[in-house]
C-alpha atoms as a PDB file:
ATOM      1  CA  MET A   1      38.488   6.557-105.995  1.00  0.00           C
ATOM      2  CA  LEU A   2      39.023  10.280-105.407  1.00  0.00           C
ATOM      3  CA  TYR A   3      36.280  10.231-102.768  1.00  0.00           C
ATOM      4  CA  ASN A   4      38.061   7.444-100.852  1.00  0.00           C
ATOM      5  CA  LEU A   5      41.317   9.372-101.028  1.00  0.00           C
ATOM      6  CA  ILE A   6      39.571  12.475 -99.642  1.00  0.00           C
ATOM      7  CA  LYS A   7      38.171  10.401 -96.739  1.00  0.00           C
ATOM      8  CA  VAL A   8      41.618   9.030 -95.937  1.00  0.00           C
ATOM      9  CA  VAL A   9      43.297  12.448 -96.131  1.00  0.00           C
ATOM     10  CA  ILE A  10      40.729  14.159 -93.894  1.00  0.00           C
ATOM     11  CA  SER A  11      40.901  11.346 -91.351  1.00  0.00           C
ATOM     12  CA  ALA A  12      44.716  11.349 -91.375  1.00  0.00           C
ATOM     13  CA  ILE A  13      44.868  15.125 -90.953  1.00  0.00           C
ATOM     14  CA  ILE A  14      42.659  14.935 -87.850  1.00  0.00           C
ATOM     15  CA  ILE A  15      44.847  12.220 -86.310  1.00  0.00           C
ATOM     16  CA  ALA A  16      48.042  14.145 -87.118  1.00  0.00           C
ATOM     17  CA  LEU A  17      46.607  17.357 -85.662  1.00  0.00           C
ATOM     18  CA  ILE A  18      45.666  15.636 -82.420  1.00  0.00           C
ATOM     19  CA  SER A  19      49.158  14.140 -82.205  1.00  0.00           C
ATOM     20  CA  GLU A  20      50.813  17.525 -82.748  1.00  0.00           C
ATOM     21  CA  ILE A  21      48.527  19.303 -80.283  1.00  0.00           C
ATOM     22  CA  SER A  22      49.252  16.576 -77.706  1.00  0.00           C
ATOM     23  CA  LYS A  23      52.965  17.388 -77.918  1.00  0.00           C
ATOM     24  CA  ARG A  24      52.190  20.885 -76.664  1.00  0.00           C
ATOM     25  CA  SER A  25      49.320  20.128 -74.292  1.00  0.00           C
ATOM     26  CA  SER A  26      48.323  16.699 -73.016  1.00  0.00           C
ATOM     27  CA  LEU A  27      45.016  18.131 -71.805  1.00  0.00           C
ATOM     28  CA  MET A  28      44.059  19.606 -75.177  1.00  0.00           C
ATOM     29  CA  GLY A  29      45.196  16.447 -76.946  1.00  0.00           C
ATOM     30  CA  ALA A  30      43.126  14.333 -74.566  1.00  0.00           C
ATOM     31  CA  ILE A  31      40.064  16.517 -75.047  1.00  0.00           C
ATOM     32  CA  LEU A  32      40.325  16.305 -78.825  1.00  0.00           C
ATOM     33  CA  ALA A  33      41.126  12.581 -78.812  1.00  0.00           C
ATOM     34  CA  SER A  34      38.222  11.859 -76.470  1.00  0.00           C
ATOM     35  CA  LEU A  35      35.771  13.452 -78.856  1.00  0.00           C
ATOM     36  CA  PRO A  36      34.129  10.786 -80.946  1.00  0.00           C
ATOM     37  CA  LEU A  37      35.674  12.230 -84.110  1.00  0.00           C
ATOM     38  CA  VAL A  38      36.306   8.841 -85.702  1.00  0.00           C
ATOM     39  CA  SER A  39      32.729   7.797 -84.967  1.00  0.00           C
ATOM     40  CA  ILE A  40      31.351  11.056 -86.329  1.00  0.00           C
ATOM     41  CA  LEU A  41      33.457  10.769 -89.479  1.00  0.00           C
ATOM     42  CA  ALA A  42      32.409   7.141 -89.923  1.00  0.00           C
ATOM     43  CA  MET A  43      28.743   8.136 -89.643  1.00  0.00           C
ATOM     44  CA  ILE A  44      29.203  10.998 -92.097  1.00  0.00           C
ATOM     45  CA  TRP A  45      31.020   8.778 -94.622  1.00  0.00           C
ATOM     46  CA  LEU A  46      28.425   6.021 -94.182  1.00  0.00           C
ATOM     47  CA  TYR A  47      25.570   8.472 -94.684  1.00  0.00           C
ATOM     48  CA  ILE A  48      27.169  10.013 -97.765  1.00  0.00           C
ATOM     49  CA  ASP A  49      27.811   6.525 -99.159  1.00  0.00           C
ATOM     50  CA  THR A  50      24.409   4.978 -98.384  1.00  0.00           C
ATOM     51  CA  ARG A  51      21.902   7.645 -97.266  1.00  0.00           C
ATOM     52  CA  ASN A  52      20.688   4.830 -94.986  1.00  0.00           C
ATOM     53  CA  VAL A  53      19.749   6.249 -91.587  1.00  0.00           C
ATOM     54  CA  GLN A  54      19.001   2.741 -90.286  1.00  0.00           C
ATOM     55  CA  LYS A  55      22.655   1.810 -90.835  1.00  0.00           C
ATOM     56  CA  ILE A  56      23.708   5.007 -89.051  1.00  0.00           C
ATOM     57  CA  SER A  57      21.437   4.131 -86.143  1.00  0.00           C
ATOM     58  CA  GLU A  58      22.844   0.590 -85.948  1.00  0.00           C
ATOM     59  CA  LEU A  59      26.407   1.902 -86.106  1.00  0.00           C
ATOM     60  CA  SER A  60      25.690   4.442 -83.371  1.00  0.00           C
ATOM     61  CA  THR A  61      24.153   1.785 -81.126  1.00  0.00           C
ATOM     62  CA  GLY A  62      27.099  -0.540 -81.683  1.00  0.00           C
ATOM     63  CA  ILE A  63      29.535   2.254 -80.888  1.00  0.00           C
ATOM     64  CA  PHE A  64      27.665   3.008 -77.666  1.00  0.00           C
ATOM     65  CA  TRP A  65      27.920  -0.555 -76.398  1.00  0.00           C
ATOM     66  CA  LEU A  66      31.524  -1.021 -77.501  1.00  0.00           C
ATOM     67  CA  VAL A  67      32.812   2.184 -75.924  1.00  0.00           C
ATOM     68  CA  ILE A  68      32.499   0.463 -72.553  1.00  0.00           C
ATOM     69  CA  PRO A  69      35.030  -2.335 -73.230  1.00  0.00           C
ATOM     70  CA  SER A  70      37.305   0.085 -75.088  1.00  0.00           C
ATOM     71  CA  LEU A  71      37.911   1.814 -71.761  1.00  0.00           C
ATOM     72  CA  VAL A  72      40.026  -1.205 -70.765  1.00  0.00           C
ATOM     73  CA  LEU A  73      42.820   0.169 -72.964  1.00  0.00           C
ATOM     74  CA  PHE A  74      42.805   3.508 -71.149  1.00  0.00           C
ATOM     75  CA  ILE A  75      42.924   1.813 -67.768  1.00  0.00           C
ATOM     76  CA  ALA A  76      45.487  -0.893 -68.524  1.00  0.00           C
ATOM     77  CA  LEU A  77      47.950   1.214 -70.544  1.00  0.00           C
ATOM     78  CA  PRO A  78      48.816   3.803 -67.883  1.00  0.00           C
ATOM     79  CA  VAL A  79      48.913   1.133 -65.171  1.00  0.00           C
ATOM     80  CA  LEU A  80      51.442  -0.916 -67.150  1.00  0.00           C
ATOM     81  CA  LEU A  81      53.521   2.145 -68.077  1.00  0.00           C
ATOM     82  CA  LYS A  82      53.635   3.350 -64.459  1.00  0.00           C
ATOM     83  CA  ARG A  83      54.889  -0.090 -63.442  1.00  0.00           C
ATOM     84  CA  GLY A  84      57.826   0.330 -65.815  1.00  0.00           C
ATOM     85  CA  PHE A  85      56.752  -1.873 -68.699  1.00  0.00           C
ATOM     86  CA  ASN A  86      58.070  -1.039 -72.167  1.00  0.00           C
ATOM     87  CA  PHE A  87      55.697   1.174 -74.187  1.00  0.00           C
ATOM     88  CA  TYR A  88      55.150  -1.275 -77.030  1.00  0.00           C
ATOM     89  CA  LEU A  89      54.650  -4.198 -74.678  1.00  0.00           C
ATOM     90  CA  SER A  90      52.204  -2.132 -72.631  1.00  0.00           C
ATOM     91  CA  LEU A  91      50.326  -1.094 -75.757  1.00  0.00           C
ATOM     92  CA  GLY A  92      50.197  -4.675 -77.013  1.00  0.00           C
ATOM     93  CA  VAL A  93      48.970  -6.089 -73.698  1.00  0.00           C
ATOM     94  CA  SER A  94      46.426  -3.278 -73.312  1.00  0.00           C
ATOM     95  CA  SER A  95      45.186  -3.856 -76.860  1.00  0.00           C
ATOM     96  CA  ALA A  96      44.879  -7.596 -76.265  1.00  0.00           C
ATOM     97  CA  LEU A  97      42.947  -6.987 -73.051  1.00  0.00           C
ATOM     98  CA  THR A  98      40.670  -4.618 -74.943  1.00  0.00           C
ATOM     99  CA  VAL A  99      39.969  -7.247 -77.619  1.00  0.00           C
ATOM    100  CA  ILE A 100      39.107  -9.730 -74.870  1.00  0.00           C
ATOM    101  CA  ALA A 101      36.818  -7.121 -73.295  1.00  0.00           C
ATOM    102  CA  TYR A 102      35.081  -6.629 -76.660  1.00  0.00           C
ATOM    103  CA  PHE A 103      34.387 -10.356 -76.955  1.00  0.00           C
ATOM    104  CA  LEU A 104      33.128 -10.476 -73.370  1.00  0.00           C
ATOM    105  CA  MET A 105      30.840  -7.504 -73.980  1.00  0.00           C
ATOM    106  CA  ILE A 106      29.414  -9.041 -77.151  1.00  0.00           C
ATOM    107  CA  PHE A 107      28.851 -12.321 -75.273  1.00  0.00           C
ATOM    108  CA  VAL A 108      27.082 -10.520 -72.391  1.00  0.00           C
ATOM    109  CA  LEU A 109      24.964  -8.439 -74.756  1.00  0.00           C
ATOM    110  CA  LYS A 110      23.840 -11.593 -76.589  1.00  0.00           C
ATOM    111  CA  LYS A 111      22.784 -13.096 -73.242  1.00  0.00           C
ATOM    112  CA  PHE A 112      20.540 -10.045 -72.753  1.00  0.00           C
ATOM    113  CA  GLY A 113      19.167 -10.280 -76.288  1.00  0.00           C
ATOM    114  CA  ILE A 114      21.042  -7.265 -77.617  1.00  0.00           C
ATOM    115  CA  LYS A 115      22.368  -7.902 -81.103  1.00  0.00           C
ATOM    116  CA  LEU A 116      25.047  -5.670 -82.590  1.00  0.00           C
END
């Protein structure tokens, strides 16, 4: 239980730090947020929990393929905001488009014999 709490606290601190840094510098916030910190933490926690490098490899491969459709969020969100849409509506629509992109990517990958 303590271990899970430590994982949550470390993860939350990183997110809060990026948010605070972004208030002062969008560029620095973007650089930090673009680092695959969540992926790295997930791999570290998974390795500590399982010591299974095959699972780490599978997770890493899945992350690689799913980064591509996740870019939809970062394209759609600023487009919607620049067109004057409300932030929460823009975020919701961008998130929904990203989910659709994930399903499309998984469908395409299956057609090419790539299983995630």
